[in-house]
């Protein structure tokens, strides 16, 4: 996988804003760089502080899906600024935690903000998600929190995760998945969003051509040697992310056409999500022997 994160406008904006000590951006995205989770949308108050807690809640949900317990070795692939590693570090004991990212800038931030708890080990490694530099059967859990759409191949990543997982270990991911009804229109939508607009959220913008449905994930799991353990559609629980993240990113972004495109793409994602056409799903898979 190429170092495509260097081409992601939102990471450039976040890193520049953090370096410039932008308090709002640092509070919202300086730790977790993913959507938030609210038990009820009525609980969301639109504040940056509330969003930060919701982002923490999503990491907790991922830990639950992966059945993380004390005394495990956990690999977080696409670890961002280390937010999920920090969540595990604060909640569990006797852990060996490894975060992987292809962008050294993100890893530098993670090393700065994540301090190992007394009984835990924490390490951040620059590596390719589809070519993991770890021994076979060396982890109890592998996580990919809202990042798998950046990888060039979900299948290659699933195979690599299976290789480094112990038999019976868990792979937990969260991803945006289009509803089946959307798939026949993917070609046209991909032309509109990826052909006419610059990259924003990933190398493929809304990742339409690269998107897979819930059923595709089930087939991929079977093909690569996993058993599906958990599928949880949390779209409704993530919707309050859009207004607060849009507001923060607009204020942090330089004025111009690119920023207007970014905002349009975010609003489009929100509309698709509210119509049930674009779903946010947490999956966990058990690695079979």
C-alpha atoms as a PDB file:
ATOM      1  CA  UNK A   1       0.000   0.000   0.000  1.00  0.00           C
ATOM      2  CA  UNK A   2       1.396   3.402  -0.909  1.00  0.00           C
ATOM      3  CA  UNK A   3       1.570   6.153   1.672  1.00  0.00           C
ATOM      4  CA  UNK A   4      -1.807   7.424   0.486  1.00  0.00           C
ATOM      5  CA  UNK A   5      -2.577   9.156   3.769  1.00  0.00           C
ATOM      6  CA  UNK A   6      -0.305  11.971   2.571  1.00  0.00           C
ATOM      7  CA  UNK A   7      -2.987  12.658  -0.021  1.00  0.00           C
ATOM      8  CA  UNK A   8      -5.878  12.791   2.447  1.00  0.00           C
ATOM      9  CA  UNK A   9      -6.894  16.400   2.911  1.00  0.00           C
ATOM     10  CA  UNK A  10      -8.594  15.815   6.241  1.00  0.00           C
ATOM     11  CA  UNK A  11      -5.460  14.363   7.845  1.00  0.00           C
ATOM     12  CA  UNK A  12      -3.386  17.249   6.545  1.00  0.00           C
ATOM     13  CA  UNK A  13      -5.904  19.682   8.026  1.00  0.00           C
ATOM     14  CA  UNK A  14      -6.024  17.851  11.353  1.00  0.00           C
ATOM     15  CA  UNK A  15      -2.254  17.595  11.721  1.00  0.00           C
ATOM     16  CA  UNK A  16      -1.701  21.223  10.755  1.00  0.00           C
ATOM     17  CA  UNK A  17      -4.422  22.364  13.169  1.00  0.00           C
ATOM     18  CA  UNK A  18      -2.998  20.308  16.039  1.00  0.00           C
ATOM     19  CA  UNK A  19       0.472  21.704  15.351  1.00  0.00           C
ATOM     20  CA  UNK A  20      -1.020  25.204  15.432  1.00  0.00           C
ATOM     21  CA  UNK A  21      -2.656  24.367  18.781  1.00  0.00           C
ATOM     22  CA  UNK A  22      -6.204  24.676  17.510  1.00  0.00           C
ATOM     23  CA  UNK A  23      -8.036  23.728  20.702  1.00  0.00           C
ATOM     24  CA  UNK A  24     -11.316  22.698  19.063  1.00  0.00           C
ATOM     25  CA  UNK A  25      -9.689  20.384  16.509  1.00  0.00           C
ATOM     26  CA  UNK A  26      -7.343  18.906  19.109  1.00  0.00           C
ATOM     27  CA  UNK A  27     -10.245  18.216  21.445  1.00  0.00           C
ATOM     28  CA  UNK A  28     -12.382  16.664  18.710  1.00  0.00           C
ATOM     29  CA  UNK A  29      -9.816  14.720  16.681  1.00  0.00           C
ATOM     30  CA  UNK A  30      -6.454  14.877  18.440  1.00  0.00           C
ATOM     31  CA  UNK A  31      -7.065  11.516  20.091  1.00  0.00           C
ATOM     32  CA  UNK A  32      -9.651   9.524  18.139  1.00  0.00           C
ATOM     33  CA  UNK A  33      -9.998  10.023  14.395  1.00  0.00           C
ATOM     34  CA  UNK A  34     -13.295   8.252  13.820  1.00  0.00           C
ATOM     35  CA  UNK A  35     -17.049   8.690  14.146  1.00  0.00           C
ATOM     36  CA  UNK A  36     -18.769   8.871  17.521  1.00  0.00           C
ATOM     37  CA  UNK A  37     -21.289   6.503  19.121  1.00  0.00           C
ATOM     38  CA  UNK A  38     -24.286   7.683  21.181  1.00  0.00           C
ATOM     39  CA  UNK A  39     -26.669   5.301  22.948  1.00  0.00           C
ATOM     40  CA  UNK A  40     -29.425   7.700  21.910  1.00  0.00           C
ATOM     41  CA  UNK A  41     -29.269  10.602  19.487  1.00  0.00           C
ATOM     42  CA  UNK A  42     -31.274  12.661  21.974  1.00  0.00           C
ATOM     43  CA  UNK A  43     -28.248  12.544  24.279  1.00  0.00           C
ATOM     44  CA  UNK A  44     -25.983  14.347  21.796  1.00  0.00           C
ATOM     45  CA  UNK A  45     -25.605  18.045  22.602  1.00  0.00           C
ATOM     46  CA  UNK A  46     -23.477  19.051  19.607  1.00  0.00           C
ATOM     47  CA  UNK A  47     -20.462  20.066  21.669  1.00  0.00           C
ATOM     48  CA  UNK A  48     -16.879  19.061  20.943  1.00  0.00           C
ATOM     49  CA  UNK A  49     -16.597  17.575  24.429  1.00  0.00           C
ATOM     50  CA  UNK A  50     -19.647  15.404  23.820  1.00  0.00           C
ATOM     51  CA  UNK A  51     -18.254  14.264  20.462  1.00  0.00           C
ATOM     52  CA  UNK A  52     -14.916  13.325  22.016  1.00  0.00           C
ATOM     53  CA  UNK A  53     -16.715  11.124  24.554  1.00  0.00           C
ATOM     54  CA  UNK A  54     -18.810   9.582  21.787  1.00  0.00           C
ATOM     55  CA  UNK A  55     -15.637   8.740  19.855  1.00  0.00           C
ATOM     56  CA  UNK A  56     -14.322   7.075  22.997  1.00  0.00           C
ATOM     57  CA  UNK A  57     -17.599   5.161  23.239  1.00  0.00           C
ATOM     58  CA  UNK A  58     -17.064   3.802  19.734  1.00  0.00           C
ATOM     59  CA  UNK A  59     -13.643   2.467  20.703  1.00  0.00           C
ATOM     60  CA  UNK A  60     -15.249   0.786  23.712  1.00  0.00           C
ATOM     61  CA  UNK A  61     -17.810  -0.818  21.397  1.00  0.00           C
ATOM     62  CA  UNK A  62     -14.961  -2.162  19.291  1.00  0.00           C
ATOM     63  CA  UNK A  63     -13.299  -3.650  22.366  1.00  0.00           C
ATOM     64  CA  UNK A  64     -16.548  -5.369  23.267  1.00  0.00           C
ATOM     65  CA  UNK A  65     -16.993  -6.717  19.735  1.00  0.00           C
ATOM     66  CA  UNK A  66     -13.459  -8.118  19.807  1.00  0.00           C
ATOM     67  CA  UNK A  67     -14.022  -9.667  23.258  1.00  0.00           C
ATOM     68  CA  UNK A  68     -10.874  -8.038  24.609  1.00  0.00           C
ATOM     69  CA  UNK A  69      -9.841  -9.124  28.095  1.00  0.00           C
ATOM     70  CA  UNK A  70      -6.831  -8.610  30.356  1.00  0.00           C
ATOM     71  CA  UNK A  71      -3.525 -10.256  29.474  1.00  0.00           C
ATOM     72  CA  UNK A  72      -3.819 -10.156  25.678  1.00  0.00           C
ATOM     73  CA  UNK A  73      -1.704  -9.054  22.766  1.00  0.00           C
ATOM     74  CA  UNK A  74      -3.728  -6.684  20.583  1.00  0.00           C
ATOM     75  CA  UNK A  75      -2.883  -5.218  17.172  1.00  0.00           C
ATOM     76  CA  UNK A  76      -4.663  -2.044  16.025  1.00  0.00           C
ATOM     77  CA  UNK A  77      -4.128  -1.629  12.281  1.00  0.00           C
ATOM     78  CA  UNK A  78      -4.674   1.878  10.930  1.00  0.00           C
ATOM     79  CA  UNK A  79      -4.309   3.139  14.490  1.00  0.00           C
ATOM     80  CA  UNK A  80      -4.476   6.850  13.665  1.00  0.00           C
ATOM     81  CA  UNK A  81      -3.386   8.953  16.617  1.00  0.00           C
ATOM     82  CA  UNK A  82      -3.565   5.982  18.976  1.00  0.00           C
ATOM     83  CA  UNK A  83      -7.010   6.667  20.431  1.00  0.00           C
ATOM     84  CA  UNK A  84      -8.231   3.065  20.494  1.00  0.00           C
ATOM     85  CA  UNK A  85      -4.880   1.848  21.837  1.00  0.00           C
ATOM     86  CA  UNK A  86      -5.255   4.456  24.598  1.00  0.00           C
ATOM     87  CA  UNK A  87      -8.770   3.196  25.369  1.00  0.00           C
ATOM     88  CA  UNK A  88      -7.538  -0.390  25.748  1.00  0.00           C
ATOM     89  CA  UNK A  89      -4.525   0.809  27.736  1.00  0.00           C
ATOM     90  CA  UNK A  90      -6.798   2.557  30.250  1.00  0.00           C
ATOM     91  CA  UNK A  91      -9.324  -0.277  30.632  1.00  0.00           C
ATOM     92  CA  UNK A  92      -7.266  -3.499  30.696  1.00  0.00           C
ATOM     93  CA  UNK A  93      -4.208  -4.878  32.502  1.00  0.00           C
ATOM     94  CA  UNK A  94      -1.154  -6.868  31.435  1.00  0.00           C
ATOM     95  CA  UNK A  95      -1.625  -5.933  27.788  1.00  0.00           C
ATOM     96  CA  UNK A  96       0.863  -5.950  24.922  1.00  0.00           C
ATOM     97  CA  UNK A  97      -0.539  -3.313  22.560  1.00  0.00           C
ATOM     98  CA  UNK A  98       0.764  -2.599  19.064  1.00  0.00           C
ATOM     99  CA  UNK A  99      -0.502   0.138  16.777  1.00  0.00           C
ATOM    100  CA  UNK A 100       0.264   0.083  13.045  1.00  0.00           C
ATOM    101  CA  UNK A 101      -0.055   2.879  10.519  1.00  0.00           C
ATOM    102  CA  UNK A 102       1.542   3.669   7.178  1.00  0.00           C
ATOM    103  CA  UNK A 103       1.749   7.396   7.962  1.00  0.00           C
ATOM    104  CA  UNK A 104       4.685   8.287  10.209  1.00  0.00           C
ATOM    105  CA  UNK A 105       3.063  11.628  11.055  1.00  0.00           C
ATOM    106  CA  UNK A 106       0.140   9.907  12.732  1.00  0.00           C
ATOM    107  CA  UNK A 107       2.446   7.542  14.578  1.00  0.00           C
ATOM    108  CA  UNK A 108       4.486  10.451  15.913  1.00  0.00           C
ATOM    109  CA  UNK A 109       1.319  11.929  17.386  1.00  0.00           C
ATOM    110  CA  UNK A 110       0.331   8.546  18.865  1.00  0.00           C
ATOM    111  CA  UNK A 111       3.731   8.103  20.529  1.00  0.00           C
ATOM    112  CA  UNK A 112       3.397  11.573  22.003  1.00  0.00           C
ATOM    113  CA  UNK A 113      -0.043  11.158  23.560  1.00  0.00           C
ATOM    114  CA  UNK A 114      -0.281   7.468  24.572  1.00  0.00           C
ATOM    115  CA  UNK A 115       1.595   6.595  27.763  1.00  0.00           C
ATOM    116  CA  UNK A 116       1.619   2.892  28.749  1.00  0.00           C
ATOM    117  CA  UNK A 117      -0.214   2.046  31.963  1.00  0.00           C
ATOM    118  CA  UNK A 118       1.820   0.404  34.711  1.00  0.00           C
ATOM    119  CA  UNK A 119       1.247  -3.200  33.634  1.00  0.00           C
ATOM    120  CA  UNK A 120       0.968  -2.631  29.879  1.00  0.00           C
ATOM    121  CA  UNK A 121       3.307  -2.382  26.907  1.00  0.00           C
ATOM    122  CA  UNK A 122       2.560  -0.010  24.014  1.00  0.00           C
ATOM    123  CA  UNK A 123       4.391   0.155  20.690  1.00  0.00           C
ATOM    124  CA  UNK A 124       3.676   1.944  17.425  1.00  0.00           C
ATOM    125  CA  UNK A 125       5.055   0.574  14.158  1.00  0.00           C
ATOM    126  CA  UNK A 126       5.097   1.970  10.633  1.00  0.00           C
ATOM    127  CA  UNK A 127       3.855  -0.839   8.401  1.00  0.00           C
ATOM    128  CA  UNK A 128       1.574  -1.810   5.536  1.00  0.00           C
ATOM    129  CA  UNK A 129      -1.793  -3.228   6.598  1.00  0.00           C
ATOM    130  CA  UNK A 130      -1.537  -5.882   3.890  1.00  0.00           C
ATOM    131  CA  UNK A 131       2.084  -6.830   4.718  1.00  0.00           C
ATOM    132  CA  UNK A 132       2.195  -6.964   8.500  1.00  0.00           C
ATOM    133  CA  UNK A 133       5.734  -7.409   9.921  1.00  0.00           C
ATOM    134  CA  UNK A 134       4.716  -9.858  12.656  1.00  0.00           C
ATOM    135  CA  UNK A 135       5.062 -13.573  13.231  1.00  0.00           C
ATOM    136  CA  UNK A 136       2.301 -16.077  12.560  1.00  0.00           C
ATOM    137  CA  UNK A 137      -0.239 -16.575  15.376  1.00  0.00           C
ATOM    138  CA  UNK A 138       1.227 -13.796  17.512  1.00  0.00           C
ATOM    139  CA  UNK A 139      -1.904 -11.774  18.450  1.00  0.00           C
ATOM    140  CA  UNK A 140      -5.110 -12.501  20.335  1.00  0.00           C
ATOM    141  CA  UNK A 141      -7.021  -9.656  18.668  1.00  0.00           C
ATOM    142  CA  UNK A 142      -6.661  -7.547  15.520  1.00  0.00           C
ATOM    143  CA  UNK A 143      -8.632  -4.307  15.149  1.00  0.00           C
ATOM    144  CA  UNK A 144      -9.258  -2.029  12.177  1.00  0.00           C
ATOM    145  CA  UNK A 145     -11.290   0.940  13.379  1.00  0.00           C
ATOM    146  CA  UNK A 146     -12.859   2.910  10.523  1.00  0.00           C
ATOM    147  CA  UNK A 147      -9.864   2.509   8.228  1.00  0.00           C
ATOM    148  CA  UNK A 148     -10.233  -0.659   6.152  1.00  0.00           C
ATOM    149  CA  UNK A 149     -11.536   1.356   3.194  1.00  0.00           C
ATOM    150  CA  UNK A 150      -8.074   2.929   2.948  1.00  0.00           C
ATOM    151  CA  UNK A 151      -6.476  -0.462   2.325  1.00  0.00           C
ATOM    152  CA  UNK A 152      -5.943  -1.572  -1.291  1.00  0.00           C
ATOM    153  CA  UNK A 153      -7.540  -4.970  -0.635  1.00  0.00           C
ATOM    154  CA  UNK A 154      -9.858  -6.091   2.106  1.00  0.00           C
ATOM    155  CA  UNK A 155      -9.144  -9.693   1.175  1.00  0.00           C
ATOM    156  CA  UNK A 156      -5.372  -9.290   1.550  1.00  0.00           C
ATOM    157  CA  UNK A 157      -5.876  -7.591   4.904  1.00  0.00           C
ATOM    158  CA  UNK A 158      -8.215 -10.343   6.119  1.00  0.00           C
ATOM    159  CA  UNK A 159      -5.606 -12.939   5.128  1.00  0.00           C
ATOM    160  CA  UNK A 160      -2.813 -11.064   6.884  1.00  0.00           C
ATOM    161  CA  UNK A 161      -4.924 -10.611   9.996  1.00  0.00           C
ATOM    162  CA  UNK A 162      -5.720 -14.341   9.930  1.00  0.00           C
ATOM    163  CA  UNK A 163      -2.012 -15.138   9.630  1.00  0.00           C
ATOM    164  CA  UNK A 164      -1.001 -13.093  12.684  1.00  0.00           C
ATOM    165  CA  UNK A 165      -4.020 -14.133  14.785  1.00  0.00           C
ATOM    166  CA  UNK A 166      -3.933 -17.108  17.078  1.00  0.00           C
ATOM    167  CA  UNK A 167      -6.554 -19.748  16.219  1.00  0.00           C
ATOM    168  CA  UNK A 168      -9.738 -18.629  17.936  1.00  0.00           C
ATOM    169  CA  UNK A 169      -8.558 -15.016  17.993  1.00  0.00           C
ATOM    170  CA  UNK A 170     -10.789 -12.153  16.895  1.00  0.00           C
ATOM    171  CA  UNK A 171     -10.699  -9.635  14.070  1.00  0.00           C
ATOM    172  CA  UNK A 172     -12.983  -6.646  14.707  1.00  0.00           C
ATOM    173  CA  UNK A 173     -13.604  -3.896  12.170  1.00  0.00           C
ATOM    174  CA  UNK A 174     -16.060  -1.089  11.529  1.00  0.00           C
ATOM    175  CA  UNK A 175     -16.877   0.103   8.044  1.00  0.00           C
ATOM    176  CA  UNK A 176     -19.361   2.061   5.944  1.00  0.00           C
ATOM    177  CA  UNK A 177     -21.366  -0.454   3.930  1.00  0.00           C
ATOM    178  CA  UNK A 178     -23.844   0.434   1.172  1.00  0.00           C
ATOM    179  CA  UNK A 179     -27.261  -1.187   1.228  1.00  0.00           C
ATOM    180  CA  UNK A 180     -27.824  -3.842  -1.441  1.00  0.00           C
ATOM    181  CA  UNK A 181     -30.248  -1.538  -3.253  1.00  0.00           C
ATOM    182  CA  UNK A 182     -27.424   0.957  -3.859  1.00  0.00           C
ATOM    183  CA  UNK A 183     -25.031  -1.487  -5.531  1.00  0.00           C
ATOM    184  CA  UNK A 184     -26.534  -1.356  -9.058  1.00  0.00           C
ATOM    185  CA  UNK A 185     -25.965   2.420  -9.023  1.00  0.00           C
ATOM    186  CA  UNK A 186     -22.369   2.268  -7.794  1.00  0.00           C
ATOM    187  CA  UNK A 187     -20.853   2.854 -11.225  1.00  0.00           C
ATOM    188  CA  UNK A 188     -22.743   6.085 -11.797  1.00  0.00           C
ATOM    189  CA  UNK A 189     -22.186   7.352  -8.257  1.00  0.00           C
ATOM    190  CA  UNK A 190     -18.509   6.487  -8.454  1.00  0.00           C
ATOM    191  CA  UNK A 191     -18.190   8.551 -11.640  1.00  0.00           C
ATOM    192  CA  UNK A 192     -19.870  11.533  -9.995  1.00  0.00           C
ATOM    193  CA  UNK A 193     -17.962  11.510  -6.720  1.00  0.00           C
ATOM    194  CA  UNK A 194     -14.618  10.034  -7.698  1.00  0.00           C
ATOM    195  CA  UNK A 195     -14.487  11.367 -11.243  1.00  0.00           C
ATOM    196  CA  UNK A 196     -15.549  14.943 -10.642  1.00  0.00           C
ATOM    197  CA  UNK A 197     -14.332  15.706  -7.108  1.00  0.00           C
ATOM    198  CA  UNK A 198     -10.859  15.558  -5.521  1.00  0.00           C
ATOM    199  CA  UNK A 199      -9.936  13.053  -2.822  1.00  0.00           C
ATOM    200  CA  UNK A 200     -11.118  13.942   0.644  1.00  0.00           C
ATOM    201  CA  UNK A 201     -11.822  11.045   2.989  1.00  0.00           C
ATOM    202  CA  UNK A 202      -9.756   8.409   1.203  1.00  0.00           C
ATOM    203  CA  UNK A 203      -8.036   7.735  -2.040  1.00  0.00           C
ATOM    204  CA  UNK A 204     -11.517   6.912  -3.333  1.00  0.00           C
ATOM    205  CA  UNK A 205     -13.553   9.688  -1.667  1.00  0.00           C
ATOM    206  CA  UNK A 206     -16.794   7.952  -0.638  1.00  0.00           C
ATOM    207  CA  UNK A 207     -15.097   4.642  -1.490  1.00  0.00           C
ATOM    208  CA  UNK A 208     -17.990   3.641  -3.710  1.00  0.00           C
ATOM    209  CA  UNK A 209     -16.154   1.321  -6.074  1.00  0.00           C
ATOM    210  CA  UNK A 210     -14.220  -0.011  -3.111  1.00  0.00           C
ATOM    211  CA  UNK A 211     -17.357  -0.493  -1.001  1.00  0.00           C
ATOM    212  CA  UNK A 212     -18.660  -3.885   0.042  1.00  0.00           C
ATOM    213  CA  UNK A 213     -22.025  -4.833   1.485  1.00  0.00           C
ATOM    214  CA  UNK A 214     -22.773  -6.734   4.646  1.00  0.00           C
ATOM    215  CA  UNK A 215     -23.270  -9.886   2.568  1.00  0.00           C
ATOM    216  CA  UNK A 216     -19.927  -9.332   0.843  1.00  0.00           C
ATOM    217  CA  UNK A 217     -18.264  -9.291   4.264  1.00  0.00           C
ATOM    218  CA  UNK A 218     -19.957 -12.547   5.176  1.00  0.00           C
ATOM    219  CA  UNK A 219     -18.656 -14.166   1.993  1.00  0.00           C
ATOM    220  CA  UNK A 220     -15.182 -12.690   2.541  1.00  0.00           C
ATOM    221  CA  UNK A 221     -15.068 -14.091   6.068  1.00  0.00           C
ATOM    222  CA  UNK A 222     -15.936 -17.573   4.836  1.00  0.00           C
ATOM    223  CA  UNK A 223     -13.382 -17.360   2.024  1.00  0.00           C
ATOM    224  CA  UNK A 224     -10.517 -16.279   4.290  1.00  0.00           C
ATOM    225  CA  UNK A 225     -11.131 -18.606   7.219  1.00  0.00           C
ATOM    226  CA  UNK A 226     -13.281 -16.767   9.728  1.00  0.00           C
ATOM    227  CA  UNK A 227     -16.596 -17.287  11.463  1.00  0.00           C
ATOM    228  CA  UNK A 228     -18.858 -14.243  11.710  1.00  0.00           C
ATOM    229  CA  UNK A 229     -19.477 -13.561  15.390  1.00  0.00           C
ATOM    230  CA  UNK A 230     -21.003 -10.086  15.467  1.00  0.00           C
ATOM    231  CA  UNK A 231     -22.716  -7.735  13.011  1.00  0.00           C
ATOM    232  CA  UNK A 232     -24.084  -4.573  14.556  1.00  0.00           C
ATOM    233  CA  UNK A 233     -25.561  -1.779  12.448  1.00  0.00           C
ATOM    234  CA  UNK A 234     -24.915   1.374  14.485  1.00  0.00           C
ATOM    235  CA  UNK A 235     -25.727   3.919  11.778  1.00  0.00           C
ATOM    236  CA  UNK A 236     -28.380   5.671  13.860  1.00  0.00           C
ATOM    237  CA  UNK A 237     -26.003   5.885  16.816  1.00  0.00           C
ATOM    238  CA  UNK A 238     -23.362   7.656  14.722  1.00  0.00           C
ATOM    239  CA  UNK A 239     -25.499  10.311  13.029  1.00  0.00           C
ATOM    240  CA  UNK A 240     -24.749  13.144  15.509  1.00  0.00           C
ATOM    241  CA  UNK A 241     -21.150  12.953  14.256  1.00  0.00           C
ATOM    242  CA  UNK A 242     -21.996  14.809  11.049  1.00  0.00           C
ATOM    243  CA  UNK A 243     -22.988  18.265  12.321  1.00  0.00           C
ATOM    244  CA  UNK A 244     -20.198  18.566  14.875  1.00  0.00           C
ATOM    245  CA  UNK A 245     -17.444  17.187  12.638  1.00  0.00           C
ATOM    246  CA  UNK A 246     -18.637  19.307   9.734  1.00  0.00           C
ATOM    247  CA  UNK A 247     -18.587  22.437  11.876  1.00  0.00           C
ATOM    248  CA  UNK A 248     -15.116  21.745  13.277  1.00  0.00           C
ATOM    249  CA  UNK A 249     -13.628  20.855   9.900  1.00  0.00           C
ATOM    250  CA  UNK A 250     -15.136  23.880   8.147  1.00  0.00           C
ATOM    251  CA  UNK A 251     -13.631  26.235  10.731  1.00  0.00           C
ATOM    252  CA  UNK A 252     -10.243  24.502  10.491  1.00  0.00           C
ATOM    253  CA  UNK A 253     -10.128  24.318   6.690  1.00  0.00           C
ATOM    254  CA  UNK A 254      -8.790  27.075   4.452  1.00  0.00           C
ATOM    255  CA  UNK A 255     -11.458  28.866   2.416  1.00  0.00           C
ATOM    256  CA  UNK A 256     -11.840  27.745  -1.172  1.00  0.00           C
ATOM    257  CA  UNK A 257     -13.351  25.251  -3.572  1.00  0.00           C
ATOM    258  CA  UNK A 258     -11.722  22.215  -1.931  1.00  0.00           C
ATOM    259  CA  UNK A 259     -13.329  23.026   1.405  1.00  0.00           C
ATOM    260  CA  UNK A 260     -16.741  23.455  -0.220  1.00  0.00           C
ATOM    261  CA  UNK A 261     -16.326  20.049  -1.881  1.00  0.00           C
ATOM    262  CA  UNK A 262     -15.363  18.529   1.473  1.00  0.00           C
ATOM    263  CA  UNK A 263     -18.500  19.915   3.058  1.00  0.00           C
ATOM    264  CA  UNK A 264     -20.665  18.703   0.189  1.00  0.00           C
ATOM    265  CA  UNK A 265     -19.241  15.190   0.469  1.00  0.00           C
ATOM    266  CA  UNK A 266     -19.857  15.128   4.218  1.00  0.00           C
ATOM    267  CA  UNK A 267     -23.453  16.273   3.719  1.00  0.00           C
ATOM    268  CA  UNK A 268     -23.924  13.643   1.019  1.00  0.00           C
ATOM    269  CA  UNK A 269     -22.632  10.914   3.319  1.00  0.00           C
ATOM    270  CA  UNK A 270     -25.016  12.125   6.009  1.00  0.00           C
ATOM    271  CA  UNK A 271     -27.994  12.093   3.636  1.00  0.00           C
ATOM    272  CA  UNK A 272     -27.199   8.561   2.423  1.00  0.00           C
ATOM    273  CA  UNK A 273     -26.794   7.415   6.025  1.00  0.00           C
ATOM    274  CA  UNK A 274     -30.061   8.970   7.199  1.00  0.00           C
ATOM    275  CA  UNK A 275     -31.896   7.254   4.330  1.00  0.00           C
ATOM    276  CA  UNK A 276     -30.476   3.877   5.350  1.00  0.00           C
ATOM    277  CA  UNK A 277     -28.526   3.611   2.093  1.00  0.00           C
ATOM    278  CA  UNK A 278     -25.076   3.906   3.672  1.00  0.00           C
ATOM    279  CA  UNK A 279     -24.637   1.989   6.908  1.00  0.00           C
ATOM    280  CA  UNK A 280     -22.047   2.049   9.645  1.00  0.00           C
ATOM    281  CA  UNK A 281     -21.511  -1.516  10.843  1.00  0.00           C
ATOM    282  CA  UNK A 282     -19.300  -3.104  13.493  1.00  0.00           C
ATOM    283  CA  UNK A 283     -18.187  -6.633  12.637  1.00  0.00           C
ATOM    284  CA  UNK A 284     -16.232  -9.219  14.564  1.00  0.00           C
ATOM    285  CA  UNK A 285     -14.887 -12.472  13.157  1.00  0.00           C
ATOM    286  CA  UNK A 286     -13.317 -15.480  14.863  1.00  0.00           C
ATOM    287  CA  UNK A 287     -10.202 -16.893  13.198  1.00  0.00           C
ATOM    288  CA  UNK A 288     -10.732 -20.592  12.555  1.00  0.00           C
ATOM    289  CA  UNK A 289      -7.899 -23.065  13.002  1.00  0.00           C
END
